[in-house]
């Protein structure tokens, strides 16, 4: 019998940070039909502080990948706050990863793998991997290294 998303997350040994509150005029997530749309999330850590810095200048690629995993954890915290359980997600549909980096940096997909690998660990390789874009930006809010938005299909 396969484990639930909640059991899979527990097996990672990772902690969920507090679900971030909006810092602008938007909702952290919104249910439309059978889909959960999650707004762009940043690098919120367990203590509520942010990982900051531009990849290729202030932090390296590996630190960027860990920052992307931290964004994934913030997204999971928002899902849990909204739905009560990660088990209510049927599958990951789409991930858009934005990387704050120097113009010469070209490994955006590697960085965003930090989030994608987390989602695959939680929902499995079939349901936890959806379509994805990973792109570079000249800046992101508060100089965070990664921002990610995502879309999920809900269980019936």
N, C-alpha and C. Protein backbone atom coordinates (compact mmCIF):
# COMPACT_ATOMS: atom_id res chain seq x y z
N UNK A 1 0.85 -1.19 0.00
CA UNK A 1 0.00 0.00 0.00
C UNK A 1 0.89 1.24 0.00
N UNK A 2 0.58 2.19 -0.89
CA UNK A 2 1.41 3.38 -0.95
C UNK A 2 1.07 4.32 0.19
N UNK A 3 2.08 5.07 0.61
CA UNK A 3 1.91 6.00 1.71
C UNK A 3 1.18 7.25 1.25
N UNK A 4 0.56 7.92 2.20
CA UNK A 4 -0.12 9.18 1.89
C UNK A 4 0.90 10.30 1.75
N UNK A 5 0.46 11.41 1.19
CA UNK A 5 1.34 12.58 1.06
C UNK A 5 1.82 13.05 2.44
N UNK A 6 0.94 13.01 3.42
CA UNK A 6 1.33 13.41 4.78
C UNK A 6 2.41 12.48 5.33
N UNK A 7 2.27 11.18 5.10
CA UNK A 7 3.29 10.23 5.56
C UNK A 7 4.60 10.45 4.81
N UNK A 8 4.50 10.68 3.50
CA UNK A 8 5.70 10.93 2.71
C UNK A 8 6.42 12.20 3.19
N UNK A 9 5.65 13.25 3.48
CA UNK A 9 6.28 14.47 3.97
C UNK A 9 6.96 14.22 5.31
N UNK A 10 6.29 13.52 6.21
CA UNK A 10 6.88 13.22 7.52
C UNK A 10 8.21 12.48 7.36
N UNK A 11 8.28 11.60 6.36
CA UNK A 11 9.49 10.81 6.11
C UNK A 11 10.67 11.68 5.65
N UNK A 12 10.40 12.88 5.13
CA UNK A 12 11.51 13.75 4.70
C UNK A 12 12.29 14.30 5.88
N UNK A 13 11.65 14.36 7.05
CA UNK A 13 12.29 14.93 8.23
C UNK A 13 12.35 16.45 8.21
N UNK A 14 11.71 17.07 7.23
CA UNK A 14 11.72 18.54 7.10
C UNK A 14 10.56 19.15 7.89
N UNK A 15 10.70 20.44 8.21
CA UNK A 15 9.65 21.17 8.92
C UNK A 15 8.96 22.14 7.98
N UNK A 16 7.69 22.39 8.25
CA UNK A 16 6.98 23.42 7.51
C UNK A 16 7.16 24.75 8.22
N UNK A 17 7.51 25.79 7.48
CA UNK A 17 7.56 27.12 8.09
C UNK A 17 6.14 27.60 8.32
N UNK A 18 5.96 28.74 9.01
CA UNK A 18 4.60 29.28 9.10
C UNK A 18 4.10 29.65 7.71
N UNK A 19 2.82 29.41 7.46
CA UNK A 19 2.24 29.79 6.15
C UNK A 19 2.37 31.31 6.02
N UNK A 20 3.02 31.79 4.94
CA UNK A 20 3.25 33.22 4.83
C UNK A 20 1.95 34.00 4.60
N UNK A 21 1.87 35.15 5.25
CA UNK A 21 0.73 36.05 5.05
C UNK A 21 1.03 36.93 3.84
N UNK A 22 0.00 37.32 3.09
CA UNK A 22 0.22 38.17 1.93
C UNK A 22 0.86 39.51 2.32
N UNK A 23 1.82 39.94 1.52
CA UNK A 23 2.46 41.24 1.73
C UNK A 23 1.97 42.25 0.71
N UNK A 24 0.87 41.95 0.05
CA UNK A 24 0.28 42.83 -0.95
C UNK A 24 -1.19 42.51 -1.09
N UNK A 25 -1.78 42.96 -2.16
CA UNK A 25 -3.21 42.77 -2.39
C UNK A 25 -3.40 41.51 -3.25
N UNK A 26 -3.42 40.37 -2.59
CA UNK A 26 -3.61 39.08 -3.26
C UNK A 26 -3.94 38.02 -2.22
N UNK A 27 -4.41 36.88 -2.68
CA UNK A 27 -4.67 35.73 -1.82
C UNK A 27 -3.49 34.76 -1.94
N UNK A 28 -3.07 34.12 -0.85
CA UNK A 28 -1.99 33.14 -0.93
C UNK A 28 -2.33 31.98 -1.85
N UNK A 29 -3.63 31.61 -1.87
CA UNK A 29 -4.08 30.55 -2.75
C UNK A 29 -5.56 30.72 -2.99
N UNK A 30 -6.03 30.09 -4.05
CA UNK A 30 -7.42 30.22 -4.44
C UNK A 30 -7.88 28.92 -5.09
N UNK A 31 -9.04 28.44 -4.68
CA UNK A 31 -9.62 27.25 -5.30
C UNK A 31 -10.59 27.70 -6.38
N UNK A 32 -10.39 27.18 -7.59
CA UNK A 32 -11.30 27.42 -8.71
C UNK A 32 -11.62 26.05 -9.29
N UNK A 33 -12.88 25.68 -9.21
CA UNK A 33 -13.26 24.35 -9.67
C UNK A 33 -12.53 23.29 -8.87
N UNK A 34 -11.81 22.41 -9.56
CA UNK A 34 -11.08 21.33 -8.91
C UNK A 34 -9.58 21.60 -8.84
N UNK A 35 -9.22 22.91 -8.89
CA UNK A 35 -7.81 23.29 -8.89
C UNK A 35 -7.50 24.28 -7.78
N UNK A 36 -6.32 24.12 -7.22
CA UNK A 36 -5.79 25.05 -6.23
C UNK A 36 -4.64 25.81 -6.88
N UNK A 37 -4.80 27.12 -6.99
CA UNK A 37 -3.76 28.00 -7.52
C UNK A 37 -3.03 28.62 -6.34
N UNK A 38 -1.72 28.51 -6.33
CA UNK A 38 -0.92 29.06 -5.24
C UNK A 38 -0.11 30.23 -5.78
N UNK A 39 -0.26 31.40 -5.14
CA UNK A 39 0.47 32.60 -5.53
C UNK A 39 1.97 32.37 -5.37
N UNK A 40 2.74 33.27 -5.96
CA UNK A 40 4.19 33.21 -5.82
C UNK A 40 4.58 33.25 -4.36
N UNK A 41 5.39 32.29 -3.95
CA UNK A 41 5.89 32.19 -2.57
C UNK A 41 7.39 32.44 -2.56
N UNK A 42 7.86 32.95 -1.44
CA UNK A 42 9.28 33.20 -1.25
C UNK A 42 9.90 32.22 -0.29
N UNK A 43 11.08 32.57 0.16
CA UNK A 43 11.96 31.68 0.91
C UNK A 43 11.75 31.78 2.42
N UNK A 44 10.51 31.65 2.88
CA UNK A 44 10.19 31.77 4.30
C UNK A 44 10.76 30.57 5.06
N UNK A 45 11.53 30.89 6.11
CA UNK A 45 12.15 29.85 6.94
C UNK A 45 11.29 29.60 8.18
N UNK A 46 11.70 28.60 8.98
CA UNK A 46 10.93 28.22 10.17
C UNK A 46 10.68 29.38 11.12
N UNK A 47 11.64 30.30 11.23
CA UNK A 47 11.49 31.43 12.15
C UNK A 47 10.78 32.62 11.50
N UNK A 48 10.31 32.45 10.27
CA UNK A 48 9.61 33.52 9.57
C UNK A 48 10.51 34.44 8.78
N UNK A 49 11.82 34.31 8.95
CA UNK A 49 12.76 35.15 8.19
C UNK A 49 12.90 34.61 6.76
N UNK A 50 13.50 35.42 5.89
CA UNK A 50 13.68 35.04 4.49
C UNK A 50 15.14 34.72 4.19
N UNK A 51 15.36 33.73 3.32
CA UNK A 51 16.68 33.55 2.71
C UNK A 51 16.78 34.65 1.66
N UNK A 52 17.89 35.38 1.64
CA UNK A 52 18.02 36.48 0.69
C UNK A 52 19.34 36.37 -0.06
N UNK A 53 19.38 36.97 -1.23
CA UNK A 53 20.60 37.04 -2.02
C UNK A 53 20.38 36.64 -3.46
N UNK A 54 21.22 37.15 -4.31
CA UNK A 54 21.17 36.86 -5.75
C UNK A 54 22.13 35.70 -6.04
N UNK A 55 21.65 34.72 -6.79
CA UNK A 55 22.47 33.56 -7.15
C UNK A 55 23.53 34.00 -8.14
N UNK A 56 24.75 33.60 -7.87
CA UNK A 56 25.88 33.98 -8.70
C UNK A 56 26.61 35.20 -8.17
N UNK A 57 26.03 35.86 -7.20
CA UNK A 57 26.69 37.00 -6.56
C UNK A 57 26.79 36.79 -5.05
N UNK A 58 25.63 36.60 -4.39
CA UNK A 58 25.59 36.48 -2.93
C UNK A 58 25.56 35.03 -2.46
N UNK A 59 24.93 34.17 -3.25
CA UNK A 59 24.83 32.75 -2.90
C UNK A 59 25.12 31.92 -4.14
N UNK A 60 25.52 30.66 -3.90
CA UNK A 60 25.85 29.81 -5.04
C UNK A 60 24.66 28.95 -5.46
N UNK A 61 24.87 28.17 -6.50
CA UNK A 61 23.81 27.35 -7.10
C UNK A 61 23.22 26.34 -6.10
N UNK A 62 24.06 25.72 -5.29
CA UNK A 62 23.57 24.74 -4.31
C UNK A 62 22.73 25.42 -3.24
N UNK A 63 23.15 26.59 -2.80
CA UNK A 63 22.35 27.35 -1.83
C UNK A 63 21.03 27.78 -2.47
N UNK A 64 21.08 28.09 -3.76
CA UNK A 64 19.85 28.43 -4.49
C UNK A 64 18.89 27.27 -4.55
N UNK A 65 19.42 26.06 -4.77
CA UNK A 65 18.56 24.87 -4.80
C UNK A 65 17.91 24.63 -3.44
N UNK A 66 18.67 24.83 -2.37
CA UNK A 66 18.09 24.70 -1.02
C UNK A 66 17.04 25.78 -0.77
N UNK A 67 17.28 26.99 -1.31
CA UNK A 67 16.30 28.06 -1.18
C UNK A 67 15.01 27.68 -1.90
N UNK A 68 15.12 27.04 -3.07
CA UNK A 68 13.94 26.60 -3.81
C UNK A 68 13.19 25.52 -3.02
N UNK A 69 13.91 24.65 -2.35
CA UNK A 69 13.25 23.66 -1.50
C UNK A 69 12.49 24.37 -0.37
N UNK A 70 13.10 25.42 0.17
CA UNK A 70 12.44 26.17 1.24
C UNK A 70 11.16 26.84 0.74
N UNK A 71 11.18 27.32 -0.50
CA UNK A 71 9.97 27.89 -1.09
C UNK A 71 8.91 26.79 -1.21
N UNK A 72 9.33 25.59 -1.64
CA UNK A 72 8.39 24.47 -1.71
C UNK A 72 7.77 24.17 -0.35
N UNK A 73 8.55 24.26 0.71
CA UNK A 73 8.02 24.04 2.05
C UNK A 73 7.00 25.12 2.42
N UNK A 74 7.28 26.36 2.02
CA UNK A 74 6.32 27.45 2.28
C UNK A 74 5.01 27.19 1.52
N UNK A 75 5.12 26.69 0.30
CA UNK A 75 3.91 26.35 -0.47
C UNK A 75 3.14 25.23 0.22
N UNK A 76 3.85 24.21 0.70
CA UNK A 76 3.18 23.12 1.43
C UNK A 76 2.49 23.66 2.68
N UNK A 77 3.10 24.63 3.36
CA UNK A 77 2.49 25.22 4.55
C UNK A 77 1.19 25.94 4.19
N UNK A 78 1.18 26.64 3.06
CA UNK A 78 -0.03 27.32 2.61
C UNK A 78 -1.12 26.31 2.25
N UNK A 79 -0.73 25.23 1.57
CA UNK A 79 -1.70 24.19 1.22
C UNK A 79 -2.33 23.60 2.48
N UNK A 80 -1.48 23.30 3.45
CA UNK A 80 -1.96 22.69 4.69
C UNK A 80 -2.87 23.65 5.45
N UNK A 81 -2.52 24.95 5.45
CA UNK A 81 -3.35 25.95 6.12
C UNK A 81 -4.72 26.07 5.44
N UNK A 82 -4.75 25.96 4.12
CA UNK A 82 -6.00 26.11 3.36
C UNK A 82 -6.85 24.85 3.40
N UNK A 83 -6.21 23.69 3.18
CA UNK A 83 -6.96 22.44 3.02
C UNK A 83 -6.96 21.54 4.26
N UNK A 84 -6.03 21.76 5.17
CA UNK A 84 -5.94 20.93 6.37
C UNK A 84 -5.05 19.72 6.22
N UNK A 85 -4.78 19.31 4.98
CA UNK A 85 -3.96 18.12 4.76
C UNK A 85 -3.39 18.13 3.34
N UNK A 86 -2.15 17.68 3.22
CA UNK A 86 -1.54 17.53 1.91
C UNK A 86 -2.19 16.38 1.12
N UNK A 87 -2.91 15.51 1.81
CA UNK A 87 -3.57 14.37 1.17
C UNK A 87 -4.73 14.81 0.28
N UNK A 88 -5.16 16.06 0.38
CA UNK A 88 -6.28 16.55 -0.44
C UNK A 88 -5.84 17.00 -1.83
N UNK A 89 -4.53 16.93 -2.07
CA UNK A 89 -4.00 17.25 -3.40
C UNK A 89 -3.94 15.96 -4.21
N UNK A 90 -4.52 15.97 -5.40
CA UNK A 90 -4.48 14.80 -6.29
C UNK A 90 -3.17 14.75 -7.05
N UNK A 91 -2.73 15.94 -7.57
CA UNK A 91 -1.47 15.96 -8.31
C UNK A 91 -0.98 17.39 -8.48
N UNK A 92 0.32 17.51 -8.72
CA UNK A 92 0.93 18.78 -9.11
C UNK A 92 0.64 18.96 -10.60
N UNK A 93 0.12 20.12 -10.98
CA UNK A 93 -0.17 20.40 -12.38
C UNK A 93 0.95 21.23 -12.99
N UNK A 94 1.31 22.34 -12.33
CA UNK A 94 2.28 23.27 -12.92
C UNK A 94 3.08 23.97 -11.84
N UNK A 95 4.35 24.18 -12.13
CA UNK A 95 5.25 24.95 -11.27
C UNK A 95 5.93 26.00 -12.14
N UNK A 96 5.92 27.24 -11.67
CA UNK A 96 6.68 28.31 -12.32
C UNK A 96 7.71 28.79 -11.31
N UNK A 97 8.98 28.57 -11.64
CA UNK A 97 10.07 28.95 -10.77
C UNK A 97 10.83 30.14 -11.32
N UNK A 98 10.96 31.17 -10.49
CA UNK A 98 11.66 32.40 -10.86
C UNK A 98 12.93 32.50 -10.03
N UNK A 99 14.05 32.69 -10.70
CA UNK A 99 15.35 32.68 -10.05
C UNK A 99 15.98 34.07 -10.16
N UNK A 100 16.30 34.66 -9.02
CA UNK A 100 16.99 35.95 -8.94
C UNK A 100 18.48 35.66 -9.10
N UNK A 101 19.03 36.04 -10.25
CA UNK A 101 20.40 35.64 -10.54
C UNK A 101 21.12 36.69 -11.39
N UNK A 102 22.44 36.54 -11.44
CA UNK A 102 23.25 37.39 -12.30
C UNK A 102 22.94 37.01 -13.76
N UNK A 103 23.15 37.96 -14.70
CA UNK A 103 22.80 37.68 -16.11
C UNK A 103 23.51 36.47 -16.71
N UNK A 104 24.69 36.13 -16.21
CA UNK A 104 25.47 35.01 -16.78
C UNK A 104 24.98 33.65 -16.31
N UNK A 105 24.13 33.61 -15.26
CA UNK A 105 23.69 32.34 -14.70
C UNK A 105 22.73 31.64 -15.66
N UNK A 106 22.93 30.33 -15.87
CA UNK A 106 22.13 29.59 -16.85
C UNK A 106 21.52 28.30 -16.31
N UNK A 107 21.65 28.03 -15.03
CA UNK A 107 21.20 26.75 -14.47
C UNK A 107 19.89 26.89 -13.68
N UNK A 108 18.98 27.69 -14.19
CA UNK A 108 17.70 27.92 -13.52
C UNK A 108 16.95 26.62 -13.22
N UNK A 109 16.86 25.67 -14.19
CA UNK A 109 16.16 24.42 -13.88
C UNK A 109 16.77 23.65 -12.71
N UNK A 110 18.10 23.67 -12.61
CA UNK A 110 18.76 22.97 -11.50
C UNK A 110 18.31 23.55 -10.16
N UNK A 111 18.25 24.87 -10.08
CA UNK A 111 17.83 25.53 -8.84
C UNK A 111 16.39 25.13 -8.50
N UNK A 112 15.49 25.20 -9.46
CA UNK A 112 14.08 24.93 -9.20
C UNK A 112 13.83 23.45 -8.89
N UNK A 113 14.78 22.58 -9.26
CA UNK A 113 14.69 21.18 -8.85
C UNK A 113 14.56 21.04 -7.33
N UNK A 114 15.07 22.00 -6.58
CA UNK A 114 14.93 21.93 -5.11
C UNK A 114 13.47 21.82 -4.69
N UNK A 115 12.61 22.55 -5.36
CA UNK A 115 11.16 22.47 -5.09
C UNK A 115 10.56 21.24 -5.75
N UNK A 116 10.90 21.00 -7.00
CA UNK A 116 10.31 19.87 -7.74
C UNK A 116 10.63 18.53 -7.09
N UNK A 117 11.85 18.38 -6.60
CA UNK A 117 12.23 17.13 -5.92
C UNK A 117 11.44 16.95 -4.63
N UNK A 118 11.17 18.05 -3.92
CA UNK A 118 10.35 17.98 -2.71
C UNK A 118 8.93 17.52 -3.05
N UNK A 119 8.33 18.13 -4.07
CA UNK A 119 6.97 17.74 -4.45
C UNK A 119 6.92 16.28 -4.90
N UNK A 120 7.95 15.82 -5.62
CA UNK A 120 8.01 14.42 -6.04
C UNK A 120 8.12 13.48 -4.83
N UNK A 121 8.84 13.92 -3.79
CA UNK A 121 8.96 13.12 -2.58
C UNK A 121 7.63 13.05 -1.83
N UNK A 122 6.86 14.12 -1.87
CA UNK A 122 5.59 14.16 -1.14
C UNK A 122 4.49 13.41 -1.87
N UNK A 123 4.33 13.66 -3.17
CA UNK A 123 3.21 13.06 -3.92
C UNK A 123 3.62 11.94 -4.86
N UNK A 124 4.89 11.59 -4.90
CA UNK A 124 5.37 10.52 -5.77
C UNK A 124 5.73 11.04 -7.15
N UNK A 125 6.50 10.26 -7.89
CA UNK A 125 6.99 10.72 -9.19
C UNK A 125 5.89 10.91 -10.22
N UNK A 126 4.84 10.14 -10.14
CA UNK A 126 3.76 10.29 -11.12
C UNK A 126 2.90 11.52 -10.82
N UNK A 127 2.46 11.66 -9.58
CA UNK A 127 1.55 12.76 -9.22
C UNK A 127 2.28 14.02 -8.75
N UNK A 128 3.51 13.87 -8.35
CA UNK A 128 4.24 15.00 -7.78
C UNK A 128 5.03 15.82 -8.78
N UNK A 129 5.06 15.38 -10.04
CA UNK A 129 5.79 16.11 -11.07
C UNK A 129 4.79 16.53 -12.14
N UNK A 130 4.70 17.83 -12.35
CA UNK A 130 3.82 18.37 -13.38
C UNK A 130 4.64 19.08 -14.43
N UNK A 131 3.99 19.95 -15.19
CA UNK A 131 4.72 20.78 -16.15
C UNK A 131 5.41 21.89 -15.38
N UNK A 132 6.46 22.48 -16.00
CA UNK A 132 7.25 23.45 -15.24
C UNK A 132 7.97 24.40 -16.15
N UNK A 133 8.16 25.61 -15.65
CA UNK A 133 9.06 26.58 -16.26
C UNK A 133 10.00 27.07 -15.18
N UNK A 134 11.26 27.30 -15.56
CA UNK A 134 12.27 27.83 -14.64
C UNK A 134 12.99 28.94 -15.38
N UNK A 135 12.84 30.16 -14.90
CA UNK A 135 13.37 31.31 -15.62
C UNK A 135 14.16 32.23 -14.69
N UNK A 136 15.07 32.99 -15.29
CA UNK A 136 15.89 33.93 -14.53
C UNK A 136 15.31 35.32 -14.53
N UNK A 137 15.50 36.02 -13.42
CA UNK A 137 15.03 37.39 -13.25
C UNK A 137 16.18 38.26 -12.76
N UNK A 138 16.11 39.54 -13.08
CA UNK A 138 17.11 40.49 -12.62
C UNK A 138 16.95 40.87 -11.16
N UNK A 139 15.75 40.70 -10.62
CA UNK A 139 15.50 40.92 -9.20
C UNK A 139 14.19 40.26 -8.82
N UNK A 140 14.04 40.01 -7.52
CA UNK A 140 12.79 39.50 -6.96
C UNK A 140 12.52 40.28 -5.67
N UNK A 141 11.28 40.27 -5.16
CA UNK A 141 10.96 41.04 -3.96
C UNK A 141 11.90 40.74 -2.79
N UNK A 142 12.31 41.77 -2.10
CA UNK A 142 13.18 41.65 -0.91
C UNK A 142 14.51 40.96 -1.20
N UNK A 143 14.89 40.88 -2.47
CA UNK A 143 16.14 40.23 -2.88
C UNK A 143 16.17 38.74 -2.52
N UNK A 144 14.98 38.09 -2.52
CA UNK A 144 14.97 36.65 -2.31
C UNK A 144 15.55 35.97 -3.55
N UNK A 145 16.21 34.82 -3.39
CA UNK A 145 16.82 34.15 -4.54
C UNK A 145 15.83 33.40 -5.44
N UNK A 146 14.68 33.02 -4.89
CA UNK A 146 13.73 32.19 -5.64
C UNK A 146 12.31 32.57 -5.25
N UNK A 147 11.43 32.63 -6.24
CA UNK A 147 9.99 32.73 -6.02
C UNK A 147 9.34 31.67 -6.89
N UNK A 148 8.34 30.99 -6.34
CA UNK A 148 7.68 29.91 -7.07
C UNK A 148 6.17 30.03 -6.89
N UNK A 149 5.45 29.87 -8.01
CA UNK A 149 3.99 29.72 -7.94
C UNK A 149 3.65 28.36 -8.51
N UNK A 150 2.48 27.83 -8.11
CA UNK A 150 2.14 26.47 -8.54
C UNK A 150 0.63 26.30 -8.64
N UNK A 151 0.26 25.25 -9.36
CA UNK A 151 -1.14 24.88 -9.54
C UNK A 151 -1.26 23.39 -9.25
N UNK A 152 -2.32 23.03 -8.52
CA UNK A 152 -2.53 21.65 -8.10
C UNK A 152 -3.96 21.23 -8.43
N UNK A 153 -4.13 19.95 -8.77
CA UNK A 153 -5.48 19.39 -8.90
C UNK A 153 -5.88 18.82 -7.56
N UNK A 154 -7.12 19.07 -7.16
CA UNK A 154 -7.63 18.59 -5.88
C UNK A 154 -8.27 17.22 -6.04
N UNK A 155 -8.21 16.45 -4.96
CA UNK A 155 -8.93 15.16 -4.92
C UNK A 155 -10.43 15.44 -5.06
N UNK A 156 -11.16 14.50 -5.65
CA UNK A 156 -12.62 14.68 -5.79
C UNK A 156 -13.31 14.61 -4.46
